[in-house]
C-alpha atoms as a PDB file:
ATOM      1  CA  MET A   1      15.611  39.150  46.643  1.00  0.00           C
ATOM      2  CA  SER A   2      14.168  41.886  44.341  1.00  0.00           C
ATOM      3  CA  ALA A   3      12.836  43.856  47.231  1.00  0.00           C
ATOM      4  CA  THR A   4      15.875  43.624  48.989  1.00  0.00           C
ATOM      5  CA  MET A   5      17.834  45.009  45.881  1.00  0.00           C
ATOM      6  CA  ASN A   6      15.735  48.196  45.549  1.00  0.00           C
ATOM      7  CA  ALA A   7      15.898  48.936  49.011  1.00  0.00           C
ATOM      8  CA  THR A   8      19.758  48.672  49.126  1.00  0.00           C
ATOM      9  CA  LEU A   9      19.442  50.640  45.640  1.00  0.00           C
ATOM     10  CA  VAL A  10      17.387  53.465  47.412  1.00  0.00           C
ATOM     11  CA  TYR A  11      19.640  53.365  50.650  1.00  0.00           C
ATOM     12  CA  LYS A  12      22.695  53.865  48.629  1.00  0.00           C
ATOM     13  CA  GLY A  13      21.075  56.616  46.682  1.00  0.00           C
ATOM     14  CA  ILE A  14      19.981  58.272  49.637  1.00  0.00           C
ATOM     15  CA  THR A  15      23.794  57.913  51.116  1.00  0.00           C
ATOM     16  CA  ASP A  16      25.351  59.381  47.872  1.00  0.00           C
ATOM     17  CA  ILE A  17      22.898  61.992  48.051  1.00  0.00           C
ATOM     18  CA  TYR A  18      24.167  63.310  51.398  1.00  0.00           C
ATOM     19  CA  ASN A  19      27.710  62.406  51.093  1.00  0.00           C
ATOM     20  CA  GLU A  20      27.821  64.754  47.921  1.00  0.00           C
ATOM     21  CA  ALA A  21      26.238  67.226  49.924  1.00  0.00           C
ATOM     22  CA  ASN A  22      28.105  67.190  52.659  1.00  0.00           C
ATOM     23  CA  VAL A  23      31.756  67.634  51.242  1.00  0.00           C
ATOM     24  CA  SER A  24      33.089  70.882  51.816  1.00  0.00           C
ATOM     25  CA  GLY A  25      35.285  72.731  50.138  1.00  0.00           C
ATOM     26  CA  ASN A  26      38.432  70.894  51.235  1.00  0.00           C
ATOM     27  CA  GLY A  27      36.763  67.464  50.514  1.00  0.00           C
ATOM     28  CA  SER A  28      36.171  66.372  53.834  1.00  0.00           C
ATOM     29  CA  VAL A  29      32.861  64.772  54.772  1.00  0.00           C
ATOM     30  CA  MET A  30      30.771  66.062  57.407  1.00  0.00           C
ATOM     31  CA  GLY A  31      29.183  63.689  60.086  1.00  0.00           C
ATOM     32  CA  VAL A  32      25.579  63.248  59.180  1.00  0.00           C
ATOM     33  CA  LEU A  33      26.267  59.624  58.644  1.00  0.00           C
ATOM     34  CA  ASN A  34      28.409  59.521  61.910  1.00  0.00           C
ATOM     35  CA  ILE A  35      26.000  60.297  65.022  1.00  0.00           C
ATOM     36  CA  PRO A  36      27.894  58.572  67.981  1.00  0.00           C
ATOM     37  CA  PRO A  37      25.489  55.418  68.656  1.00  0.00           C
ATOM     38  CA  SER A  38      25.242  56.621  72.296  1.00  0.00           C
ATOM     39  CA  LEU A  39      24.070  60.045  71.409  1.00  0.00           C
ATOM     40  CA  ASN A  40      21.700  58.501  68.670  1.00  0.00           C
ATOM     41  CA  LYS A  41      20.102  55.760  71.082  1.00  0.00           C
ATOM     42  CA  ALA A  42      19.679  58.960  73.971  1.00  0.00           C
ATOM     43  CA  ILE A  43      17.933  60.993  71.190  1.00  0.00           C
ATOM     44  CA  ASN A  44      15.753  58.047  70.421  1.00  0.00           C
ATOM     45  CA  ILE A  45      14.977  57.286  74.210  1.00  0.00           C
ATOM     46  CA  LEU A  46      14.186  60.872  74.905  1.00  0.00           C
ATOM     47  CA  MET A  47      11.712  61.108  71.680  1.00  0.00           C
ATOM     48  CA  VAL A  48       9.917  58.034  72.806  1.00  0.00           C
ATOM     49  CA  GLY A  49       9.527  59.462  76.277  1.00  0.00           C
ATOM     50  CA  ILE A  50       8.185  62.540  75.092  1.00  0.00           C
ATOM     51  CA  LEU A  51       5.575  60.926  72.920  1.00  0.00           C
ATOM     52  CA  PHE A  52       4.706  58.830  75.894  1.00  0.00           C
ATOM     53  CA  ILE A  53       4.030  61.674  78.013  1.00  0.00           C
ATOM     54  CA  ILE A  54       2.152  63.941  75.588  1.00  0.00           C
ATOM     55  CA  MET A  55      -0.302  61.031  74.932  1.00  0.00           C
ATOM     56  CA  ILE A  56      -0.857  60.059  78.559  1.00  0.00           C
ATOM     57  CA  SER A  57      -1.692  63.484  79.465  1.00  0.00           C
ATOM     58  CA  PHE A  58      -4.027  63.714  76.500  1.00  0.00           C
ATOM     59  CA  GLY A  59      -5.561  60.764  77.483  1.00  0.00           C
ATOM     60  CA  CYS A  60      -6.072  62.626  80.950  1.00  0.00           C
ATOM     61  CA  THR A  61      -8.289  65.320  79.442  1.00  0.00           C
ATOM     62  CA  MET A  62     -10.685  62.647  77.622  1.00  0.00           C
ATOM     63  CA  GLU A  63     -14.159  61.985  78.722  1.00  0.00           C
ATOM     64  CA  ILE A  64     -15.369  58.620  77.721  1.00  0.00           C
ATOM     65  CA  SER A  65     -18.762  60.108  77.939  1.00  0.00           C
ATOM     66  CA  LYS A  66     -17.921  62.666  75.458  1.00  0.00           C
ATOM     67  CA  ILE A  67     -16.670  60.104  73.067  1.00  0.00           C
ATOM     68  CA  LYS A  68     -19.837  58.083  73.028  1.00  0.00           C
ATOM     69  CA  ALA A  69     -21.936  61.113  72.424  1.00  0.00           C
ATOM     70  CA  HIS A  70     -19.852  61.713  69.265  1.00  0.00           C
ATOM     71  CA  LEU A  71     -19.600  57.841  68.180  1.00  0.00           C
ATOM     72  CA  PHE A  72     -23.638  57.586  68.569  1.00  0.00           C
ATOM     73  CA  LYS A  73     -23.758  60.714  65.979  1.00  0.00           C
ATOM     74  CA  PRO A  74     -20.831  59.866  63.967  1.00  0.00           C
ATOM     75  CA  LYS A  75     -21.203  62.494  61.264  1.00  0.00           C
ATOM     76  CA  GLY A  76     -18.634  64.929  62.403  1.00  0.00           C
ATOM     77  CA  VAL A  77     -16.202  62.567  63.222  1.00  0.00           C
ATOM     78  CA  SER A  78     -16.562  60.628  59.931  1.00  0.00           C
ATOM     79  CA  ILE A  79     -15.916  63.784  57.939  1.00  0.00           C
ATOM     80  CA  ALA A  80     -13.151  64.838  60.103  1.00  0.00           C
ATOM     81  CA  LEU A  81     -11.451  61.385  59.576  1.00  0.00           C
ATOM     82  CA  LEU A  82     -12.245  61.440  55.882  1.00  0.00           C
ATOM     83  CA  ALA A  83     -10.604  65.057  56.017  1.00  0.00           C
ATOM     84  CA  GLN A  84      -7.750  64.043  58.106  1.00  0.00           C
ATOM     85  CA  PHE A  85      -6.670  60.627  55.978  1.00  0.00           C
ATOM     86  CA  GLY A  86      -8.014  61.883  52.622  1.00  0.00           C
ATOM     87  CA  ILE A  87      -6.808  65.220  51.964  1.00  0.00           C
ATOM     88  CA  MET A  88      -3.314  65.458  53.750  1.00  0.00           C
ATOM     89  CA  PRO A  89      -1.646  62.287  52.363  1.00  0.00           C
ATOM     90  CA  LEU A  90      -3.066  63.189  48.835  1.00  0.00           C
ATOM     91  CA  THR A  91      -1.549  66.594  49.257  1.00  0.00           C
ATOM     92  CA  ALA A  92       1.582  65.287  50.467  1.00  0.00           C
ATOM     93  CA  PHE A  93       1.763  63.109  47.578  1.00  0.00           C
ATOM     94  CA  SER A  94       0.856  65.786  45.030  1.00  0.00           C
ATOM     95  CA  LEU A  95       3.414  68.086  46.364  1.00  0.00           C
ATOM     96  CA  ALA A  96       6.461  65.630  46.360  1.00  0.00           C
ATOM     97  CA  LYS A  97       5.700  64.418  42.895  1.00  0.00           C
ATOM     98  CA  ILE A  98       5.287  68.127  41.630  1.00  0.00           C
ATOM     99  CA  LEU A  99       8.371  69.210  42.882  1.00  0.00           C
ATOM    100  CA  HIS A 100      10.219  66.245  42.186  1.00  0.00           C
ATOM    101  CA  MET A 101      11.590  65.555  45.495  1.00  0.00           C
ATOM    102  CA  GLU A 102      14.481  63.045  46.276  1.00  0.00           C
ATOM    103  CA  PRO A 103      13.476  59.613  47.438  1.00  0.00           C
ATOM    104  CA  ILE A 104      14.112  60.203  51.407  1.00  0.00           C
ATOM    105  CA  LYS A 105      12.472  63.760  51.145  1.00  0.00           C
ATOM    106  CA  ALA A 106       9.381  62.242  49.299  1.00  0.00           C
ATOM    107  CA  VAL A 107       9.078  59.580  52.388  1.00  0.00           C
ATOM    108  CA  THR A 108       9.599  62.072  54.736  1.00  0.00           C
ATOM    109  CA  VAL A 109       6.687  64.377  53.664  1.00  0.00           C
ATOM    110  CA  LEU A 110       4.641  61.161  53.039  1.00  0.00           C
ATOM    111  CA  ILE A 111       4.848  59.930  56.847  1.00  0.00           C
ATOM    112  CA  CYS A 112       4.527  63.418  57.661  1.00  0.00           C
ATOM    113  CA  GLY A 113       1.129  63.940  55.410  1.00  0.00           C
ATOM    114  CA  CYS A 114      -0.158  60.118  56.626  1.00  0.00           C
ATOM    115  CA  CYS A 115       0.298  61.177  60.295  1.00  0.00           C
ATOM    116  CA  PRO A 116      -2.989  61.842  62.594  1.00  0.00           C
ATOM    117  CA  GLY A 117      -3.916  64.783  64.270  1.00  0.00           C
ATOM    118  CA  GLY A 118      -1.905  66.234  66.951  1.00  0.00           C
ATOM    119  CA  SER A 119      -3.024  67.807  70.171  1.00  0.00           C
ATOM    120  CA  LEU A 120      -1.863  71.204  68.997  1.00  0.00           C
ATOM    121  CA  SER A 121      -5.255  71.221  66.995  1.00  0.00           C
ATOM    122  CA  ASN A 122      -7.107  71.121  70.417  1.00  0.00           C
ATOM    123  CA  ILE A 123      -5.515  74.809  71.299  1.00  0.00           C
ATOM    124  CA  LEU A 124      -6.199  76.038  67.894  1.00  0.00           C
ATOM    125  CA  SER A 125      -9.757  75.012  67.749  1.00  0.00           C
ATOM    126  CA  LEU A 126     -10.560  76.401  71.185  1.00  0.00           C
ATOM    127  CA  ALA A 127      -8.806  79.941  69.822  1.00  0.00           C
ATOM    128  CA  MET A 128     -10.946  79.395  66.752  1.00  0.00           C
ATOM    129  CA  LYS A 129     -14.154  79.048  68.944  1.00  0.00           C
ATOM    130  CA  GLY A 130     -14.681  75.465  67.871  1.00  0.00           C
ATOM    131  CA  ASP A 131     -16.519  72.400  68.959  1.00  0.00           C
ATOM    132  CA  MET A 132     -14.057  71.179  71.644  1.00  0.00           C
ATOM    133  CA  ASN A 133     -15.854  67.753  72.158  1.00  0.00           C
ATOM    134  CA  LEU A 134     -15.354  67.203  68.616  1.00  0.00           C
ATOM    135  CA  SER A 135     -11.878  68.122  68.335  1.00  0.00           C
ATOM    136  CA  PHE A 136     -10.946  65.970  71.547  1.00  0.00           C
ATOM    137  CA  VAL A 137     -12.610  63.076  69.967  1.00  0.00           C
ATOM    138  CA  MET A 138     -11.447  63.619  66.641  1.00  0.00           C
ATOM    139  CA  THR A 139      -7.513  63.168  67.519  1.00  0.00           C
ATOM    140  CA  THR A 140      -8.453  60.436  69.565  1.00  0.00           C
ATOM    141  CA  CYS A 141     -10.136  58.605  66.936  1.00  0.00           C
ATOM    142  CA  SER A 142      -7.486  59.305  64.168  1.00  0.00           C
ATOM    143  CA  CYS A 143      -4.891  58.116  66.394  1.00  0.00           C
ATOM    144  CA  ILE A 144      -6.301  54.771  66.920  1.00  0.00           C
ATOM    145  CA  ALA A 145      -7.746  54.983  63.277  1.00  0.00           C
ATOM    146  CA  ALA A 146      -3.934  55.622  61.973  1.00  0.00           C
ATOM    147  CA  LEU A 147      -2.920  52.242  63.401  1.00  0.00           C
ATOM    148  CA  GLY A 148      -4.378  50.588  60.374  1.00  0.00           C
ATOM    149  CA  LEU A 149      -4.880  53.653  57.824  1.00  0.00           C
ATOM    150  CA  MET A 150      -1.247  55.326  58.018  1.00  0.00           C
ATOM    151  CA  PRO A 151       0.539  52.064  56.974  1.00  0.00           C
ATOM    152  CA  LEU A 152      -2.021  51.109  54.207  1.00  0.00           C
ATOM    153  CA  LEU A 153      -1.916  54.861  53.081  1.00  0.00           C
ATOM    154  CA  LEU A 154       1.853  54.837  52.818  1.00  0.00           C
ATOM    155  CA  TYR A 155       1.793  51.433  51.010  1.00  0.00           C
ATOM    156  CA  ILE A 156      -0.322  53.143  48.172  1.00  0.00           C
ATOM    157  CA  TYR A 157       1.300  56.249  47.782  1.00  0.00           C
ATOM    158  CA  CYS A 158       4.783  54.566  48.013  1.00  0.00           C
ATOM    159  CA  GLN A 159       3.766  52.791  44.944  1.00  0.00           C
ATOM    160  CA  GLY A 160       3.882  56.133  42.780  1.00  0.00           C
ATOM    161  CA  PHE A 161       7.771  56.314  43.591  1.00  0.00           C
ATOM    162  CA  ASP A 162      10.219  54.277  41.951  1.00  0.00           C
ATOM    163  CA  GLY A 163      12.069  52.114  44.332  1.00  0.00           C
ATOM    164  CA  LEU A 164      10.193  53.106  47.326  1.00  0.00           C
ATOM    165  CA  GLU A 165       7.683  50.427  47.552  1.00  0.00           C
ATOM    166  CA  ASP A 166       9.879  47.890  49.848  1.00  0.00           C
ATOM    167  CA  VAL A 167      11.444  50.637  51.770  1.00  0.00           C
ATOM    168  CA  VAL A 168       9.079  52.051  54.434  1.00  0.00           C
ATOM    169  CA  PRO A 169       9.801  50.298  57.963  1.00  0.00           C
ATOM    170  CA  TYR A 170       6.131  49.676  58.597  1.00  0.00           C
ATOM    171  CA  VAL A 171       7.016  47.419  61.474  1.00  0.00           C
ATOM    172  CA  GLY A 172       8.642  50.474  63.025  1.00  0.00           C
ATOM    173  CA  ILE A 173       5.680  52.794  62.069  1.00  0.00           C
ATOM    174  CA  ILE A 174       3.135  50.582  63.673  1.00  0.00           C
ATOM    175  CA  SER A 175       5.401  50.093  67.022  1.00  0.00           C
ATOM    176  CA  ALA A 176       5.462  54.027  66.925  1.00  0.00           C
ATOM    177  CA  LEU A 177       1.810  54.388  66.608  1.00  0.00           C
ATOM    178  CA  ALA A 178       1.321  52.053  69.395  1.00  0.00           C
ATOM    179  CA  LEU A 179       3.334  54.172  71.461  1.00  0.00           C
ATOM    180  CA  THR A 180       0.613  57.139  71.066  1.00  0.00           C
ATOM    181  CA  VAL A 181      -2.487  54.712  71.340  1.00  0.00           C
ATOM    182  CA  VAL A 182      -1.536  52.757  74.689  1.00  0.00           C
ATOM    183  CA  PRO A 183      -0.543  55.773  76.607  1.00  0.00           C
ATOM    184  CA  CYS A 184      -3.557  57.845  75.259  1.00  0.00           C
ATOM    185  CA  VAL A 185      -6.290  54.813  76.801  1.00  0.00           C
ATOM    186  CA  ILE A 186      -4.104  54.600  79.881  1.00  0.00           C
ATOM    187  CA  GLY A 187      -4.754  58.417  80.426  1.00  0.00           C
ATOM    188  CA  MET A 188      -8.464  58.127  79.625  1.00  0.00           C
ATOM    189  CA  ALA A 189      -8.734  55.266  82.325  1.00  0.00           C
ATOM    190  CA  ILE A 190      -7.034  57.177  84.515  1.00  0.00           C
ATOM    191  CA  ASN A 191      -9.577  60.118  83.960  1.00  0.00           C
ATOM    192  CA  HIS A 192     -12.323  57.957  84.152  1.00  0.00           C
ATOM    193  CA  TYR A 193     -11.687  55.473  87.277  1.00  0.00           C
ATOM    194  CA  LYS A 194      -9.120  58.066  89.287  1.00  0.00           C
ATOM    195  CA  PRO A 195      -9.889  61.730  88.321  1.00  0.00           C
ATOM    196  CA  LYS A 196      -8.540  63.171  91.069  1.00  0.00           C
ATOM    197  CA  TYR A 197      -5.002  61.895  89.560  1.00  0.00           C
ATOM    198  CA  SER A 198      -5.432  63.533  86.262  1.00  0.00           C
ATOM    199  CA  PRO A 199      -4.668  67.184  87.178  1.00  0.00           C
ATOM    200  CA  PHE A 200      -1.442  65.867  88.852  1.00  0.00           C
ATOM    201  CA  ILE A 201      -0.331  63.753  85.872  1.00  0.00           C
ATOM    202  CA  LYS A 202      -0.919  66.700  83.770  1.00  0.00           C
ATOM    203  CA  LYS A 203       1.047  69.208  85.682  1.00  0.00           C
ATOM    204  CA  ALA A 204       4.105  66.595  86.312  1.00  0.00           C
ATOM    205  CA  GLY A 205       3.942  65.522  82.517  1.00  0.00           C
ATOM    206  CA  LEU A 206       4.171  69.520  81.429  1.00  0.00           C
ATOM    207  CA  CYS A 207       7.362  69.774  83.659  1.00  0.00           C
ATOM    208  CA  ILE A 208       8.917  66.482  82.185  1.00  0.00           C
ATOM    209  CA  LEU A 209       7.892  67.623  78.924  1.00  0.00           C
ATOM    210  CA  ILE A 210       9.789  70.703  78.725  1.00  0.00           C
ATOM    211  CA  VAL A 211      13.078  69.320  80.123  1.00  0.00           C
ATOM    212  CA  ALA A 212      12.981  66.321  77.948  1.00  0.00           C
ATOM    213  CA  ALA A 213      12.121  68.707  74.813  1.00  0.00           C
ATOM    214  CA  VAL A 214      15.145  70.937  75.622  1.00  0.00           C
ATOM    215  CA  LEU A 215      17.381  67.984  76.008  1.00  0.00           C
ATOM    216  CA  VAL A 216      16.368  66.642  72.781  1.00  0.00           C
ATOM    217  CA  PHE A 217      16.624  69.951  70.742  1.00  0.00           C
ATOM    218  CA  SER A 218      20.032  70.153  72.205  1.00  0.00           C
ATOM    219  CA  LEU A 219      21.227  67.162  71.698  1.00  0.00           C
ATOM    220  CA  SER A 220      20.114  66.845  68.051  1.00  0.00           C
ATOM    221  CA  TYR A 221      21.451  70.253  67.247  1.00  0.00           C
ATOM    222  CA  PHE A 222      24.716  68.878  68.425  1.00  0.00           C
ATOM    223  CA  ALA A 223      24.331  65.848  66.447  1.00  0.00           C
ATOM    224  CA  ILE A 224      23.674  67.477  62.945  1.00  0.00           C
ATOM    225  CA  LYS A 225      24.804  71.072  63.604  1.00  0.00           C
ATOM    226  CA  ASP A 226      27.180  71.113  60.678  1.00  0.00           C
ATOM    227  CA  VAL A 227      24.495  69.775  58.038  1.00  0.00           C
ATOM    228  CA  VAL A 228      21.216  71.398  59.655  1.00  0.00           C
ATOM    229  CA  TRP A 229      21.468  73.854  56.530  1.00  0.00           C
ATOM    230  CA  LEU A 230      20.732  70.674  53.970  1.00  0.00           C
ATOM    231  CA  ILE A 231      16.759  70.295  55.497  1.00  0.00           C
ATOM    232  CA  LEU A 232      16.339  74.445  54.525  1.00  0.00           C
ATOM    233  CA  THR A 233      16.078  73.834  50.728  1.00  0.00           C
ATOM    234  CA  LEU A 234      13.474  75.140  48.521  1.00  0.00           C
ATOM    235  CA  ASP A 235      11.541  72.050  48.149  1.00  0.00           C
ATOM    236  CA  VAL A 236      11.284  71.270  51.635  1.00  0.00           C
ATOM    237  CA  LEU A 237      10.441  74.755  52.851  1.00  0.00           C
ATOM    238  CA  ALA A 238       7.755  75.025  50.116  1.00  0.00           C
ATOM    239  CA  VAL A 239       5.901  71.722  51.120  1.00  0.00           C
ATOM    240  CA  ALA A 240       6.171  72.747  54.858  1.00  0.00           C
ATOM    241  CA  ALA A 241       4.224  75.986  53.926  1.00  0.00           C
ATOM    242  CA  LEU A 242       1.756  74.590  51.710  1.00  0.00           C
ATOM    243  CA  MET A 243       0.599  71.627  53.349  1.00  0.00           C
ATOM    244  CA  PRO A 244      -0.769  73.190  56.556  1.00  0.00           C
ATOM    245  CA  LEU A 245      -2.369  75.752  54.384  1.00  0.00           C
ATOM    246  CA  ILE A 246      -4.143  73.412  51.830  1.00  0.00           C
ATOM    247  CA  GLY A 247      -5.216  71.402  54.844  1.00  0.00           C
ATOM    248  CA  PHE A 248      -6.797  74.285  56.777  1.00  0.00           C
ATOM    249  CA  THR A 249      -8.561  75.248  53.215  1.00  0.00           C
ATOM    250  CA  LEU A 250      -9.804  72.141  52.110  1.00  0.00           C
ATOM    251  CA  GLY A 251     -10.939  70.656  55.667  1.00  0.00           C
ATOM    252  CA  TYR A 252     -13.150  73.748  56.177  1.00  0.00           C
ATOM    253  CA  VAL A 253     -14.185  73.537  52.418  1.00  0.00           C
ATOM    254  CA  MET A 254     -15.342  69.640  52.582  1.00  0.00           C
ATOM    255  CA  SER A 255     -17.046  70.234  55.963  1.00  0.00           C
ATOM    256  CA  MET A 256     -19.075  73.347  54.769  1.00  0.00           C
ATOM    257  CA  ILE A 257     -19.945  71.234  51.689  1.00  0.00           C
ATOM    258  CA  CYS A 258     -21.079  68.110  53.939  1.00  0.00           C
ATOM    259  CA  ARG A 259     -23.326  70.897  55.860  1.00  0.00           C
ATOM    260  CA  LEU A 260     -21.406  71.055  59.139  1.00  0.00           C
ATOM    261  CA  SER A 261     -21.837  73.834  61.413  1.00  0.00           C
ATOM    262  CA  PRO A 262     -19.658  76.762  61.139  1.00  0.00           C
ATOM    263  CA  LYS A 263     -18.188  75.670  64.350  1.00  0.00           C
ATOM    264  CA  CYS A 264     -17.609  71.982  63.606  1.00  0.00           C
ATOM    265  CA  SER A 265     -16.077  73.405  60.240  1.00  0.00           C
ATOM    266  CA  ARG A 266     -13.790  75.257  62.014  1.00  0.00           C
ATOM    267  CA  THR A 267     -12.637  72.274  64.069  1.00  0.00           C
ATOM    268  CA  VAL A 268     -12.233  70.081  61.016  1.00  0.00           C
ATOM    269  CA  SER A 269     -10.077  72.694  59.648  1.00  0.00           C
ATOM    270  CA  MET A 270      -7.910  72.823  62.564  1.00  0.00           C
ATOM    271  CA  GLU A 271      -7.642  69.040  62.683  1.00  0.00           C
ATOM    272  CA  THR A 272      -7.092  68.481  59.052  1.00  0.00           C
ATOM    273  CA  GLY A 273      -4.254  71.057  58.862  1.00  0.00           C
ATOM    274  CA  CYS A 274      -2.531  70.027  62.246  1.00  0.00           C
ATOM    275  CA  GLN A 275      -0.338  66.846  61.993  1.00  0.00           C
ATOM    276  CA  ASN A 276       1.203  64.996  65.034  1.00  0.00           C
ATOM    277  CA  VAL A 277       4.696  66.461  64.769  1.00  0.00           C
ATOM    278  CA  GLN A 278       6.008  64.315  67.922  1.00  0.00           C
ATOM    279  CA  LEU A 279       4.590  61.103  66.536  1.00  0.00           C
ATOM    280  CA  CYS A 280       6.143  62.007  62.824  1.00  0.00           C
ATOM    281  CA  THR A 281       9.502  62.975  64.296  1.00  0.00           C
ATOM    282  CA  THR A 282       9.417  59.812  66.462  1.00  0.00           C
ATOM    283  CA  ILE A 283       8.921  57.626  63.370  1.00  0.00           C
ATOM    284  CA  LEU A 284      11.630  59.116  61.220  1.00  0.00           C
ATOM    285  CA  LYS A 285      14.320  58.932  63.984  1.00  0.00           C
ATOM    286  CA  VAL A 286      13.657  55.533  65.393  1.00  0.00           C
ATOM    287  CA  ALA A 287      12.119  53.521  62.414  1.00  0.00           C
ATOM    288  CA  PHE A 288      14.895  54.840  60.048  1.00  0.00           C
ATOM    289  CA  SER A 289      18.956  54.751  60.528  1.00  0.00           C
ATOM    290  CA  PRO A 290      21.045  58.057  60.898  1.00  0.00           C
ATOM    291  CA  GLN A 291      22.321  56.929  57.703  1.00  0.00           C
ATOM    292  CA  VAL A 292      19.330  56.714  55.621  1.00  0.00           C
ATOM    293  CA  ILE A 293      17.181  59.672  57.091  1.00  0.00           C
ATOM    294  CA  GLY A 294      19.886  62.306  57.646  1.00  0.00           C
ATOM    295  CA  PRO A 295      18.790  65.709  58.737  1.00  0.00           C
ATOM    296  CA  MET A 296      15.257  65.334  57.151  1.00  0.00           C
ATOM    297  CA  PHE A 297      13.880  63.709  60.676  1.00  0.00           C
ATOM    298  CA  LEU A 298      13.944  67.630  61.596  1.00  0.00           C
ATOM    299  CA  PHE A 299      11.586  68.020  58.685  1.00  0.00           C
ATOM    300  CA  PRO A 300       8.422  67.840  61.270  1.00  0.00           C
ATOM    301  CA  LEU A 301       9.798  70.836  62.998  1.00  0.00           C
ATOM    302  CA  VAL A 302       9.831  72.972  60.183  1.00  0.00           C
ATOM    303  CA  TYR A 303       6.520  71.714  59.266  1.00  0.00           C
ATOM    304  CA  PHE A 304       5.649  72.629  62.585  1.00  0.00           C
ATOM    305  CA  THR A 305       6.997  76.292  62.453  1.00  0.00           C
ATOM    306  CA  PHE A 306       4.825  77.017  59.296  1.00  0.00           C
ATOM    307  CA  GLN A 307       1.787  75.263  60.661  1.00  0.00           C
ATOM    308  CA  CYS A 308       1.640  77.402  63.697  1.00  0.00           C
ATOM    309  CA  THR A 309       2.353  80.563  62.026  1.00  0.00           C
ATOM    310  CA  GLU A 310      -0.441  80.235  59.447  1.00  0.00           C
ATOM    311  CA  ALA A 311      -2.736  78.990  62.096  1.00  0.00           C
ATOM    312  CA  LEU A 312      -2.167  81.913  64.399  1.00  0.00           C
ATOM    313  CA  LEU A 313      -2.771  84.010  61.319  1.00  0.00           C
ATOM    314  CA  LEU A 314      -5.945  82.385  60.280  1.00  0.00           C
ATOM    315  CA  THR A 315      -6.797  82.729  64.208  1.00  0.00           C
ATOM    316  CA  LEU A 316      -6.079  86.576  64.127  1.00  0.00           C
ATOM    317  CA  CYS A 317      -7.939  86.858  60.948  1.00  0.00           C
ATOM    318  CA  PHE A 318     -10.996  85.003  62.329  1.00  0.00           C
ATOM    319  CA  ARG A 319     -10.915  87.190  65.702  1.00  0.00           C
ATOM    320  CA  CYS A 320     -10.809  90.401  63.800  1.00  0.00           C
ATOM    321  CA  TYR A 321     -13.833  89.336  61.611  1.00  0.00           C
ATOM    322  CA  ARG A 322     -15.471  88.146  64.930  1.00  0.00           C
ATOM    323  CA  ALA A 323     -15.007  91.587  66.432  1.00  0.00           C
ATOM    324  CA  PHE A 324     -16.764  93.316  63.605  1.00  0.00           C
ATOM    325  CA  LYS A 325     -19.489  90.977  62.622  1.00  0.00           C
ATOM    326  CA  PRO A 326     -20.735  88.504  65.458  1.00  0.00           C
ATOM    327  CA  LEU A 327     -21.074  84.936  64.232  1.00  0.00           C
ATOM    328  CA  ALA A 328     -24.519  83.336  64.113  1.00  0.00           C
ATOM    329  CA  GLU A 329     -23.768  80.667  66.912  1.00  0.00           C
ATOM    330  CA  ASP A 330     -23.347  83.968  69.141  1.00  0.00           C
ATOM    331  CA  GLY A 331     -26.418  85.560  68.034  1.00  0.00           C
ATOM    332  CA  ASP A 332     -28.281  82.125  69.091  1.00  0.00           C
ATOM    333  CA  ASP A 333     -26.342  82.050  72.520  1.00  0.00           C
ATOM    334  CA  VAL A 334     -27.368  85.637  73.405  1.00  0.00           C
ATOM    335  CA  LYS A 335     -31.293  85.040  72.061  1.00  0.00           C
ATOM    336  CA  GLN A 336     -31.129  81.410  74.235  1.00  0.00           C
ATOM    337  CA  LYS A 337     -29.980  83.495  77.144  1.00  0.00           C
ATOM    338  CA  GLY A 338     -32.338  86.353  76.623  1.00  0.00           C
ATOM    339  CA  GLY A 339     -35.223  83.827  76.535  1.00  0.00           C
ATOM    340  CA  GLU A 340     -34.258  82.249  79.934  1.00  0.00           C
ATOM    341  CA  ALA A 341     -34.177  85.565  81.519  1.00  0.00           C
ATOM    342  CA  ALA A 342     -37.765  86.601  79.865  1.00  0.00           C
ATOM    343  CA  MET A 343     -38.781  83.416  81.413  1.00  0.00           C
ATOM    344  CA  MET A 344     -37.354  84.219  84.871  1.00  0.00           C
ATOM    345  CA  VAL A 345     -39.193  88.071  84.747  1.00  0.00           C
ATOM    346  CA  PRO A 346     -42.610  86.735  86.056  1.00  0.00           C
ATOM    347  CA  GLN A 347     -41.109  84.403  88.694  1.00  0.00           C
ATOM    348  CA  ILE A 348     -39.327  87.350  89.940  1.00  0.00           C
ATOM    349  CA  THR A 349     -42.531  89.569  89.979  1.00  0.00           C
ATOM    350  CA  ALA A 350     -44.862  86.855  91.727  1.00  0.00           C
END
């Protein structure tokens, strides 16, 4: 009974916050709480479909043999998982506390911080000359581990906020997480047993994804166009800017302390700072009602903007540094190729 009362009070407080914020100069209330049910359902279905397509396409890029290789030598994956589910949730909790965020904002930030790594990290790892095998395996393992760790971490960190202990929709979150694991496994099975279909699935998935993403963006903008400014507050922008930067930095520092190679450390850094914004957006939109979440379901897009900007700046700095000072592993590759060439000289002269 008390849990129900707590949830009701928090929901009422959240609604009051947005009702007060949405009152215009003439006293009318804007429609953040009045999204038509048909429009809300269409957005939910499209977002679930996008998440499914992304994960099945990602599964088609994975090779079971590479996963086994890293699982038999789990040091890199273990450190990466510890960074992902240790650094990011704690960072989200700390920032929400320091900035005294409102309940719904705090829940949104915590959900984003507890999400597993996203597929964008694989692209960034490639740009940073990281270990691509570790990157793919880490993304897959974090999605699977999130089934248990994400609800657990949310439960633990929500205890630090009054009234949020019993508000988080754990069933909806676990359902959304299943939408990442199941299609990913399906994609891996297709790539393993029917590899000739993988390129077609990835190309078709990309085309469908672009169309669906445009539709979701358009419908979402139409639904909250009058109140989209509510998400662009100073505390939300500060969290969206600081979270990925802290993740990138502490992920790299932690990897170097654990004596991973620079190549693997750069990979862990990208994996730590890059959250699965598609999953986060789906959870916020599907697991919460529009009356509760308001425009905050778009927070992952704000996070994504800062995440990409900061990652691109880091990549640019890394590339400039590499242009003037070749990396140690590059030198090792040159030596190895030189040694192979030297071994071939006697054979040619013979």
